[in-house]
Amino acid sequence: MRLTQSIFTALLICVNSSAFANVEVTFPSNSELILVNGKENNSTDKLSLGNGENQLALRYIGRYQQQGSQTQFSSDVVIMTFSAENAQLTITLPRIRSNSAADAFNRNPNITLKDSTGVDIAFRQDKLIKDGMQLGRDYEKEIFDYNSSNQVAALGALAAPIATQVQPNLQQVENVAKQANAPKQTDQINVGQMLDFWYQQADEETRKAFKLKINSKE
């Protein structure tokens, strides 16, 4: 009997510890989740995240009566970057009942993040803004570009793994070009394809510099 009780107690300890082995975030029904750590996500009310730094992007979605008519409000996309471990967190948004309140939220989003004891959790906040038409937005690219910057809520860890591959510098392109022009060897395979790949990945300024280099050597 004692052995059985010991096993049962051990199982309870394991279950309780695993339940708080990550970060759970609950968000309100008047929000729309856009991105979780750089990836699009359509979760509706709760997330399970890893311990450490995390980044969410969401917007306020709501309705209110204004001068006898129903108004639909969809805010700018708000970025929240925070750090937590083994916690249950809750995001809260204010009630918006007028055009002025909606405008005020867009100017300065009033969002709270609390743990299970009601203590405020600090987070860095910013907005993911795109000028012009808002249809067909590539949120993953937008947040990647944002995280590649030094802005207030940027999370560099979400950009670093790709950043070194996206924008090759001129020296990298020249090195591949030298390989392409070198005498053919049996172990030189698909050098032309490599050159084409790096050229396609380069920005316009690097492409122009590369063309000038090639033309100067003809």
Protein backbone atom coordinates (compact mmCIF):
# COMPACT_ATOMS: atom_id res chain seq x y z
CA MET A 1 0.00 0.00 0.00
CA ARG A 2 2.82 2.40 0.89
CA LEU A 3 4.52 1.64 -2.43
CA THR A 4 1.31 2.40 -4.32
CA GLN A 5 0.86 5.69 -2.45
CA SER A 6 4.46 6.67 -3.20
CA ILE A 7 4.02 5.99 -6.90
CA PHE A 8 0.75 7.97 -6.92
CA THR A 9 2.41 10.90 -5.17
CA ALA A 10 5.30 10.88 -7.62
CA LEU A 11 2.90 10.93 -10.55
CA LEU A 12 1.07 13.93 -9.07
CA ILE A 13 4.35 15.79 -8.70
CA CYS A 14 5.26 15.06 -12.32
CA VAL A 15 1.86 16.19 -13.58
CA ASN A 16 1.92 19.41 -11.57
CA SER A 17 5.47 20.30 -12.60
CA SER A 18 4.83 19.58 -16.30
CA ALA A 19 1.71 21.77 -16.22
CA PHE A 20 3.93 24.77 -15.49
CA ALA A 21 6.94 23.76 -17.58
CA ASN A 22 6.14 26.45 -20.12
CA VAL A 23 4.30 29.74 -20.55
CA GLU A 24 0.55 29.74 -21.13
CA VAL A 25 -1.00 32.92 -22.48
CA THR A 26 -4.74 33.58 -22.49
CA PHE A 27 -6.01 36.44 -24.63
CA PRO A 28 -9.48 38.01 -24.85
CA SER A 29 -12.25 37.42 -27.36
CA ASN A 30 -11.99 41.01 -28.62
CA SER A 31 -8.53 40.34 -30.01
CA GLU A 32 -7.23 38.69 -33.17
CA LEU A 33 -3.90 36.89 -32.92
CA ILE A 34 -1.76 37.52 -36.00
CA LEU A 35 1.73 36.20 -35.25
CA VAL A 36 3.45 34.07 -32.65
CA ASN A 37 7.25 34.27 -32.65
CA GLY A 38 7.37 35.37 -36.27
CA LYS A 39 4.87 32.82 -37.62
CA GLU A 40 1.22 33.33 -38.50
CA ASN A 41 -1.11 31.81 -35.93
CA ASN A 42 -4.91 31.65 -35.69
CA SER A 43 -5.31 30.43 -32.10
CA THR A 44 -8.51 31.76 -30.56
CA ASP A 45 -8.06 32.03 -26.79
CA LYS A 46 -4.94 30.31 -25.40
CA LEU A 47 -1.31 29.67 -26.33
CA SER A 48 1.41 27.43 -24.97
CA LEU A 49 4.87 28.95 -25.43
CA GLY A 50 8.38 28.00 -24.43
CA ASN A 51 10.12 29.58 -21.48
CA GLY A 52 12.16 32.70 -22.18
CA GLU A 53 11.53 35.52 -24.64
CA ASN A 54 8.42 35.40 -26.80
CA GLN A 55 6.81 37.78 -29.24
CA LEU A 56 3.13 38.13 -30.14
CA ALA A 57 1.42 40.34 -32.70
CA LEU A 58 -2.30 40.96 -32.36
CA ARG A 59 -5.01 43.51 -33.05
CA TYR A 60 -8.12 44.73 -31.29
CA ILE A 61 -11.38 43.60 -32.96
CA GLY A 62 -14.60 45.08 -31.61
CA ARG A 63 -17.94 46.80 -32.20
CA TYR A 64 -19.57 49.79 -30.60
CA GLN A 65 -22.58 52.08 -31.09
CA GLN A 66 -21.76 55.55 -32.41
CA GLN A 67 -24.62 58.00 -33.03
CA GLY A 68 -27.15 55.21 -33.46
CA SER A 69 -25.09 53.13 -35.90
CA GLN A 70 -22.94 50.06 -35.38
CA THR A 71 -19.24 50.65 -35.92
CA GLN A 72 -16.70 47.88 -36.51
CA PHE A 73 -13.23 48.61 -35.18
CA SER A 74 -10.06 46.83 -36.24
CA SER A 75 -6.92 48.32 -34.73
CA ASP A 76 -3.37 48.49 -35.99
CA VAL A 77 -1.31 45.36 -35.34
CA VAL A 78 0.36 45.59 -31.92
CA ILE A 79 3.64 43.80 -31.15
CA MET A 80 4.26 42.50 -27.62
CA THR A 81 7.69 41.12 -26.68
CA PHE A 82 8.14 39.71 -23.18
CA SER A 83 10.11 37.23 -21.09
CA ALA A 84 8.58 34.69 -18.69
CA GLU A 85 9.16 31.23 -17.29
CA ASN A 86 6.71 28.60 -16.00
CA ALA A 87 3.85 31.09 -15.85
CA GLN A 88 0.20 31.50 -16.72
CA LEU A 89 -0.32 34.93 -18.30
CA THR A 90 -3.42 36.85 -19.33
CA ILE A 91 -3.68 39.66 -21.88
CA THR A 92 -6.39 42.24 -21.26
CA LEU A 93 -7.69 44.91 -23.63
CA PRO A 94 -9.77 47.95 -22.67
CA ARG A 95 -13.44 48.40 -23.63
CA ILE A 96 -13.86 50.68 -26.61
CA ARG A 97 -17.23 52.41 -27.01
CA SER A 98 -16.55 55.41 -29.24
CA ASN A 99 -14.56 56.67 -32.19
CA SER A 100 -12.40 58.77 -29.88
CA ALA A 101 -11.57 55.73 -27.73
CA ALA A 102 -10.70 53.74 -30.86
CA ASP A 103 -8.42 56.52 -32.10
CA ALA A 104 -6.80 56.77 -28.67
CA PHE A 105 -6.10 53.02 -28.67
CA ASN A 106 -4.46 53.20 -32.09
CA ARG A 107 -2.28 56.10 -30.93
CA ASN A 108 -1.27 54.40 -27.70
CA PRO A 109 -2.53 50.80 -27.29
CA ASN A 110 -3.48 50.26 -23.65
CA ILE A 111 -2.76 46.56 -23.11
CA THR A 112 -2.01 44.75 -19.87
CA LEU A 113 -0.18 41.46 -19.32
CA LYS A 114 -0.59 39.84 -15.89
CA ASP A 115 0.43 36.56 -14.30
CA SER A 116 -1.88 34.23 -12.36
CA THR A 117 -1.44 36.29 -9.17
CA GLY A 118 -2.43 39.55 -10.87
CA VAL A 119 1.08 40.96 -11.05
CA ASP A 120 1.88 43.03 -14.14
CA ILE A 121 4.43 41.47 -16.47
CA ALA A 122 6.70 43.95 -18.23
CA PHE A 123 6.77 43.83 -22.03
CA ARG A 124 8.08 45.88 -24.93
CA GLN A 125 5.35 47.20 -27.18
CA ASP A 126 5.23 48.65 -30.68
CA LYS A 127 3.07 48.57 -33.80
CA LEU A 128 3.59 46.69 -37.07
CA ILE A 129 2.73 49.39 -39.58
CA LYS A 130 2.33 49.11 -43.33
CA ASP A 131 1.64 52.22 -45.37
CA GLY A 132 -0.91 52.21 -48.16
CA MET A 133 -3.29 49.34 -48.96
CA GLN A 134 -3.65 46.80 -46.15
CA LEU A 135 -4.94 43.90 -48.27
CA GLY A 136 -2.74 40.87 -48.83
CA ARG A 137 -0.17 41.71 -46.17
CA ASP A 138 2.74 39.33 -45.70
CA TYR A 139 2.91 39.53 -41.92
CA GLU A 140 5.74 37.02 -41.61
CA LYS A 141 7.97 39.09 -43.90
CA GLU A 142 6.95 42.30 -42.15
CA ILE A 143 7.81 40.96 -38.72
CA PHE A 144 11.08 39.50 -40.01
CA ASP A 145 12.06 42.93 -41.33
CA TYR A 146 10.97 44.48 -38.04
CA ASN A 147 13.00 42.03 -35.97
CA SER A 148 16.02 42.73 -38.18
CA SER A 149 15.87 46.34 -36.99
CA ASN A 150 16.74 48.00 -33.70
CA GLN A 151 13.19 49.05 -32.90
CA VAL A 152 11.79 48.88 -29.39
CA ALA A 153 9.97 45.51 -29.54
CA ALA A 154 12.33 43.77 -31.97
CA LEU A 155 13.43 40.24 -31.07
CA GLY A 156 16.69 39.69 -32.91
CA ALA A 157 16.69 35.94 -32.29
CA LEU A 158 13.77 35.63 -34.73
CA ALA A 159 15.76 37.29 -37.53
CA ALA A 160 19.36 36.16 -37.04
CA PRO A 161 19.15 32.62 -38.51
CA ILE A 162 17.93 33.90 -41.88
CA ALA A 163 19.54 37.32 -42.03
CA THR A 164 22.96 35.91 -42.87
CA GLN A 165 21.54 34.19 -45.95
CA VAL A 166 19.19 36.78 -47.40
CA GLN A 167 21.56 39.64 -48.25
CA PRO A 168 24.93 38.35 -49.54
CA ASN A 169 27.57 41.04 -49.86
CA LEU A 170 29.57 41.81 -52.97
CA GLN A 171 32.59 39.81 -51.78
CA GLN A 172 30.48 36.64 -51.52
CA VAL A 173 29.15 37.11 -55.04
CA GLU A 174 32.66 37.78 -56.39
CA ASN A 175 34.00 34.61 -54.76
CA VAL A 176 31.37 32.53 -56.51
CA ALA A 177 32.14 34.33 -59.79
CA LYS A 178 35.82 33.41 -59.46
CA GLN A 179 34.84 29.79 -58.98
CA ALA A 180 32.73 29.95 -62.12
CA ASN A 181 35.62 31.39 -64.18
CA ALA A 182 38.25 28.99 -62.78
CA PRO A 183 39.45 26.00 -64.85
CA LYS A 184 36.96 23.17 -64.71
CA GLN A 185 37.67 20.49 -62.14
CA THR A 186 35.85 17.26 -61.48
CA ASP A 187 34.72 18.45 -58.02
CA GLN A 188 33.26 21.74 -59.37
CA ILE A 189 29.57 20.94 -59.58
CA ASN A 190 26.75 23.38 -60.26
CA VAL A 191 28.92 26.47 -59.75
CA GLY A 192 26.76 28.29 -62.26
CA GLN A 193 23.68 27.44 -60.22
CA MET A 194 25.39 28.75 -57.09
CA LEU A 195 26.24 32.00 -58.87
CA ASP A 196 22.67 32.39 -60.04
CA PHE A 197 21.36 31.71 -56.53
CA TRP A 198 23.51 34.35 -54.85
CA TYR A 199 22.74 36.86 -57.61
CA GLN A 200 19.00 36.36 -57.10
CA GLN A 201 19.36 36.78 -53.33
CA ALA A 202 21.36 40.01 -53.61
CA ASP A 203 19.78 43.46 -53.34
CA GLU A 204 19.71 45.82 -56.34
CA GLU A 205 22.80 47.76 -55.29
CA THR A 206 24.88 44.58 -54.98
CA ARG A 207 23.61 43.34 -58.38
CA LYS A 208 24.71 46.59 -60.06
CA ALA A 209 28.14 46.43 -58.42
CA PHE A 210 28.49 42.80 -59.51
CA LYS A 211 27.62 43.65 -63.15
CA LEU A 212 30.21 46.45 -63.15
CA LYS A 213 32.83 43.99 -61.87
CA ILE A 214 32.01 41.48 -64.59
CA ASN A 215 31.99 44.11 -67.38
CA SER A 216 35.32 45.58 -66.23
CA LYS A 217 37.02 42.18 -66.65
CA GLU A 218 35.69 41.39 -70.14
